[in-house]
Amino acid sequence: MSSTQYEYILTSAPEPGVQLITLNRPKALNALCSPLFAELNTALEAADKDDAVGAIVITGSEKAFAAGADIKEMKDKQFSDVYKNRFLEDWANLSKIRKPVIAAVSGFALGGGCELALMCDIILASPTAKFGQPEINLGVIPGGGGSQRLASLIGKSRTMEMVLTGRMISAQEAEKWGLVSRVVPEGEGEVVKEAVKVATEIASKSQIAVQAAKEVVNAAYELNLAEGLRFERRIFHGLFATDDQKEGMAAFAEKRKPNFTHS
């Protein structure tokens, strides 16, 4: 995919098997307007269908991952418009992507930007990252899943504090609370480099096993423990029908590197 296809995002392949998508509205701190999200969804769907891609990284700029939804776009909308046209509903398309998606966050990840990061499978943060749901200051509430995903990750009290006060939390707080996987040591571009490194490692595995692993972890947020254990076991059993399971276990027994064919 070429970056010339898009107006609001850039795409590249920094390493084999890795698709990097960079939000590119620098003058608006990568505010998430509807055209940007349409392009993002298109790029994500293309990467998901591309057999050469094993993992996806989404990032912004050093100053802002995404400073929120585009207020200028929203401020004059009426209830009938947002309700009938299902405003923001297509944001959830990201959660339907089967391949792992890693967010590399520097600077502001606020409102819709925080929600975009939360929809990803792994969040890596630079020390400059700041997360928040400041919608309460605009007379509204999170509309892209922030209240729901935060509550499942960091608990009721902390979610209430973020959503009711609108205050930002630092990368260090986000790591302590379990909102992000880890904070990457400081340095320009380091969080993106680390995200690409993690994506490259994931892309070296069997794509079938990786997608199955993502599916069972996500199921843990929707099923009770007994149902989740049953689902995990059935997916585990199913992988014994793949060539990659045979290759992976044979390679381990023969003390060599596996050659996965994603079949």
Protein backbone atom coordinates (compact mmCIF):
# COMPACT_ATOMS: atom_id res chain seq x y z
CA MET A 1 0.00 0.00 0.00
CA SER A 2 1.26 3.43 -0.88
CA SER A 3 0.93 6.48 1.33
CA THR A 4 -0.10 8.48 -1.75
CA GLN A 5 -3.50 6.77 -1.59
CA TYR A 6 -4.45 8.65 1.53
CA GLU A 7 -4.91 12.23 2.66
CA TYR A 8 -4.94 11.82 6.44
CA ILE A 9 -2.74 8.77 7.06
CA LEU A 10 0.59 7.40 5.88
CA THR A 11 1.30 3.71 5.38
CA SER A 12 4.63 1.90 5.13
CA ALA A 13 6.24 -1.50 5.68
CA PRO A 14 9.25 -0.85 7.95
CA GLU A 15 9.99 -4.57 8.34
CA PRO A 16 8.81 -7.70 6.53
CA GLY A 17 5.39 -8.71 7.80
CA VAL A 18 4.71 -5.36 9.49
CA GLN A 19 2.26 -2.66 8.34
CA LEU A 20 2.84 0.77 9.90
CA ILE A 21 -0.05 3.25 9.79
CA THR A 22 0.73 6.83 10.84
CA LEU A 23 -2.02 9.34 11.55
CA ASN A 24 -1.16 12.47 9.59
CA ARG A 25 -3.12 15.59 10.52
CA PRO A 26 -0.26 17.48 12.20
CA LYS A 27 -1.95 20.88 12.24
CA ALA A 28 -4.94 19.40 14.10
CA LEU A 29 -2.87 17.20 16.45
CA ASN A 30 -4.22 14.20 14.54
CA ALA A 31 -7.83 14.95 15.50
CA LEU A 32 -10.00 12.07 14.35
CA CYS A 33 -12.34 13.39 11.70
CA SER A 34 -14.65 11.02 9.85
CA PRO A 35 -12.55 11.03 6.64
CA LEU A 36 -9.45 10.08 8.66
CA PHE A 37 -11.24 7.16 10.29
CA ALA A 38 -12.61 6.05 6.91
CA GLU A 39 -9.04 5.95 5.57
CA LEU A 40 -7.81 4.18 8.70
CA ASN A 41 -10.51 1.52 8.36
CA THR A 42 -9.64 1.04 4.68
CA ALA A 43 -5.93 0.63 5.47
CA LEU A 44 -6.63 -1.75 8.35
CA GLU A 45 -8.94 -3.92 6.27
CA ALA A 46 -6.37 -4.06 3.45
CA ALA A 47 -3.62 -5.10 5.89
CA ASP A 48 -5.91 -7.69 7.45
CA LYS A 49 -6.50 -9.28 4.03
CA ASP A 50 -2.83 -9.11 2.99
CA ASP A 51 -1.18 -12.49 3.57
CA ALA A 52 2.22 -10.77 3.72
CA VAL A 53 1.21 -8.79 6.83
CA GLY A 54 1.46 -10.48 10.21
CA ALA A 55 0.99 -7.49 12.55
CA ILE A 56 -0.03 -3.84 12.37
CA VAL A 57 1.29 -0.74 14.18
CA ILE A 58 -0.69 2.49 14.54
CA THR A 59 1.07 5.67 15.63
CA GLY A 60 0.80 9.45 15.42
CA SER A 61 3.41 12.14 15.91
CA GLU A 62 5.80 12.90 18.77
CA LYS A 63 3.38 15.62 19.90
CA ALA A 64 0.13 13.71 19.62
CA PHE A 65 -1.00 10.16 18.97
CA ALA A 66 -4.45 11.72 18.50
CA ALA A 67 -5.74 14.64 20.55
CA GLY A 68 -9.37 13.54 20.25
CA ALA A 69 -12.28 13.49 17.86
CA ASP A 70 -12.65 16.52 15.60
CA ILE A 71 -14.73 18.99 17.64
CA LYS A 72 -15.24 21.29 14.67
CA GLU A 73 -16.90 18.42 12.84
CA MET A 74 -19.15 17.54 15.78
CA LYS A 75 -20.17 20.83 17.34
CA ASP A 76 -23.19 21.58 15.10
CA LYS A 77 -24.50 18.04 14.72
CA GLN A 78 -28.04 17.26 15.88
CA PHE A 79 -29.35 14.15 17.65
CA SER A 80 -31.33 13.01 14.62
CA ASP A 81 -28.18 13.19 12.47
CA VAL A 82 -25.82 11.30 14.80
CA TYR A 83 -28.49 8.70 15.67
CA LYS A 84 -29.72 7.95 12.16
CA ASN A 85 -26.24 7.94 10.65
CA ARG A 86 -24.74 5.88 13.48
CA PHE A 87 -22.03 8.47 14.18
CA LEU A 88 -18.80 6.86 15.50
CA GLU A 89 -20.14 3.33 15.00
CA ASP A 90 -17.59 2.60 12.27
CA TRP A 91 -14.81 3.25 14.81
CA ALA A 92 -15.53 -0.23 16.16
CA ASN A 93 -14.34 -1.75 12.86
CA LEU A 94 -10.83 -1.76 14.33
CA SER A 95 -11.92 -4.26 16.95
CA LYS A 96 -12.94 -6.64 14.15
CA ILE A 97 -9.42 -6.80 12.67
CA ARG A 98 -8.13 -10.35 13.16
CA LYS A 99 -4.42 -9.55 13.08
CA PRO A 100 -2.73 -8.00 16.13
CA VAL A 101 -2.74 -4.19 16.24
CA ILE A 102 -0.16 -2.33 18.34
CA ALA A 103 -0.55 1.31 19.34
CA ALA A 104 2.69 3.30 19.66
CA VAL A 105 1.67 6.35 21.69
CA SER A 106 3.63 9.58 22.13
CA GLY A 107 2.13 12.84 23.36
CA PHE A 108 -1.60 13.31 23.68
CA ALA A 109 -4.02 10.36 23.45
CA LEU A 110 -7.18 12.13 24.51
CA GLY A 111 -10.88 11.42 23.97
CA GLY A 112 -11.16 9.56 20.70
CA GLY A 113 -7.38 9.21 20.64
CA CYS A 114 -7.45 7.35 23.95
CA GLU A 115 -10.33 5.25 22.66
CA LEU A 116 -8.40 4.43 19.49
CA ALA A 117 -5.45 3.22 21.57
CA LEU A 118 -7.80 1.17 23.78
CA MET A 119 -9.16 -0.63 20.72
CA CYS A 120 -5.66 -1.87 19.88
CA ASP A 121 -4.34 -5.16 21.26
CA ILE A 122 -1.11 -3.83 22.77
CA ILE A 123 -0.31 -0.25 23.82
CA LEU A 124 3.31 0.88 24.08
CA ALA A 125 3.82 4.40 25.43
CA SER A 126 6.65 6.90 25.34
CA PRO A 127 7.36 8.80 28.59
CA THR A 128 5.63 11.82 27.02
CA ALA A 129 2.31 10.03 26.51
CA LYS A 130 -0.78 11.45 28.21
CA PHE A 131 -4.10 9.62 28.28
CA GLY A 132 -7.50 11.08 29.07
CA GLN A 133 -11.23 11.21 28.40
CA PRO A 134 -11.98 14.95 28.64
CA GLU A 135 -15.41 14.79 26.98
CA ILE A 136 -17.08 15.87 30.23
CA ASN A 137 -15.56 19.33 29.66
CA LEU A 138 -17.52 19.56 26.40
CA GLY A 139 -20.85 18.61 27.90
CA VAL A 140 -20.79 15.04 26.59
CA ILE A 141 -19.35 11.63 27.49
CA PRO A 142 -17.02 9.21 25.71
CA GLY A 143 -18.76 7.84 22.60
CA GLY A 144 -16.15 5.52 21.12
CA GLY A 145 -15.99 2.94 23.88
CA GLY A 146 -13.79 4.77 26.40
CA SER A 147 -15.98 4.26 29.46
CA GLN A 148 -16.51 0.56 28.73
CA ARG A 149 -12.97 -0.42 27.79
CA LEU A 150 -11.38 1.61 30.60
CA ALA A 151 -13.64 0.03 33.21
CA SER A 152 -12.63 -3.46 32.11
CA LEU A 153 -8.94 -2.52 32.19
CA ILE A 154 -8.43 -0.24 35.18
CA GLY A 155 -11.57 -0.71 37.29
CA LYS A 156 -14.56 1.40 38.26
CA SER A 157 -12.98 3.99 40.57
CA ARG A 158 -10.15 5.01 38.26
CA THR A 159 -12.46 5.05 35.23
CA MET A 160 -14.93 7.24 37.14
CA GLU A 161 -12.14 9.65 38.04
CA MET A 162 -10.95 9.93 34.44
CA VAL A 163 -14.43 10.19 32.89
CA LEU A 164 -16.02 12.47 35.53
CA THR A 165 -13.13 14.91 35.96
CA GLY A 166 -11.58 14.73 32.50
CA ARG A 167 -8.08 14.75 33.91
CA MET A 168 -5.15 13.37 31.96
CA ILE A 169 -2.93 10.65 33.34
CA SER A 170 0.77 10.27 32.60
CA ALA A 171 2.41 7.35 30.85
CA GLN A 172 3.77 6.25 34.22
CA GLU A 173 0.30 6.22 35.80
CA ALA A 174 -1.08 4.41 32.76
CA GLU A 175 1.56 1.71 33.16
CA LYS A 176 0.91 1.41 36.91
CA TRP A 177 -2.83 1.09 36.30
CA GLY A 178 -2.44 -1.55 33.59
CA LEU A 179 -3.70 0.70 30.80
CA VAL A 180 -0.51 0.24 28.75
CA SER A 181 1.79 -2.73 28.34
CA ARG A 182 4.88 -0.70 29.19
CA VAL A 183 6.64 2.64 28.86
CA VAL A 184 9.47 2.63 26.33
CA PRO A 185 12.69 4.49 27.28
CA GLU A 186 12.77 8.09 26.12
CA GLY A 187 14.06 9.09 22.70
CA GLU A 188 12.51 10.42 19.52
CA GLY A 189 10.84 7.65 17.60
CA GLU A 190 11.83 4.99 20.13
CA VAL A 191 8.27 3.92 20.91
CA VAL A 192 7.57 3.35 17.21
CA LYS A 193 10.82 1.39 16.82
CA GLU A 194 9.88 -0.78 19.78
CA ALA A 195 6.34 -1.31 18.47
CA VAL A 196 7.75 -2.36 15.08
CA LYS A 197 10.15 -4.70 16.89
CA VAL A 198 7.26 -6.33 18.77
CA ALA A 199 5.19 -6.50 15.57
CA THR A 200 8.12 -8.14 13.75
CA GLU A 201 8.39 -10.75 16.50
CA ILE A 202 4.65 -11.47 16.25
CA ALA A 203 4.82 -11.60 12.44
CA SER A 204 7.46 -14.35 12.68
CA LYS A 205 4.92 -16.70 14.26
CA SER A 206 2.17 -18.76 12.65
CA GLN A 207 -0.54 -16.31 11.56
CA ILE A 208 -3.21 -18.89 12.34
CA ALA A 209 -1.94 -19.38 15.90
CA VAL A 210 -1.53 -15.63 16.41
CA GLN A 211 -5.08 -14.88 15.30
CA ALA A 212 -6.38 -17.73 17.44
CA ALA A 213 -4.47 -16.38 20.44
CA LYS A 214 -5.94 -12.90 19.92
CA GLU A 215 -9.43 -14.41 19.68
CA VAL A 216 -9.18 -16.34 22.95
CA VAL A 217 -7.71 -13.43 24.93
CA ASN A 218 -10.51 -11.15 23.71
CA ALA A 219 -13.05 -13.81 24.66
CA ALA A 220 -11.88 -13.53 28.27
CA TYR A 221 -13.59 -10.11 28.43
CA GLU A 222 -16.91 -11.50 27.18
CA LEU A 223 -17.24 -14.98 28.71
CA ASN A 224 -17.30 -16.26 32.26
CA LEU A 225 -14.34 -18.38 33.35
CA ALA A 226 -15.91 -21.80 32.68
CA GLU A 227 -17.08 -20.78 29.20
CA GLY A 228 -13.75 -19.09 28.47
CA LEU A 229 -11.75 -22.17 29.45
CA ARG A 230 -13.97 -24.33 27.26
CA PHE A 231 -13.60 -21.94 24.32
CA GLU A 232 -9.81 -21.75 24.74
CA ARG A 233 -9.53 -25.53 24.84
CA ARG A 234 -11.61 -25.96 21.67
CA ILE A 235 -9.51 -23.42 19.78
CA PHE A 236 -6.37 -25.14 21.09
CA HIS A 237 -7.68 -28.49 19.84
CA GLY A 238 -8.51 -26.96 16.47
CA LEU A 239 -4.91 -25.86 15.91
CA PHE A 240 -3.91 -29.53 15.73
CA ALA A 241 -5.54 -29.54 12.28
CA THR A 242 -2.97 -27.04 10.97
CA ASP A 243 0.33 -27.59 9.19
CA ASP A 244 1.89 -24.93 11.41
CA GLN A 245 1.24 -26.99 14.56
CA LYS A 246 3.01 -29.98 13.00
CA GLU A 247 5.90 -27.81 11.82
CA GLY A 248 6.23 -25.90 15.09
CA MET A 249 6.38 -28.99 17.26
CA ALA A 250 8.64 -30.87 14.85
CA ALA A 251 11.04 -27.93 14.76
CA PHE A 252 11.12 -27.81 18.57
CA ALA A 253 11.86 -31.54 18.79
CA GLU A 254 14.56 -31.22 16.12
CA LYS A 255 16.04 -28.09 17.75
CA ARG A 256 15.66 -25.89 14.68
CA LYS A 257 13.77 -22.76 13.73
CA PRO A 258 10.23 -23.44 12.44
CA ASN A 259 9.25 -22.56 8.90
CA PHE A 260 5.61 -21.57 9.25
CA THR A 261 3.49 -21.57 6.10
CA HIS A 262 0.39 -20.07 7.79
CA SER A 263 -1.65 -23.08 6.81
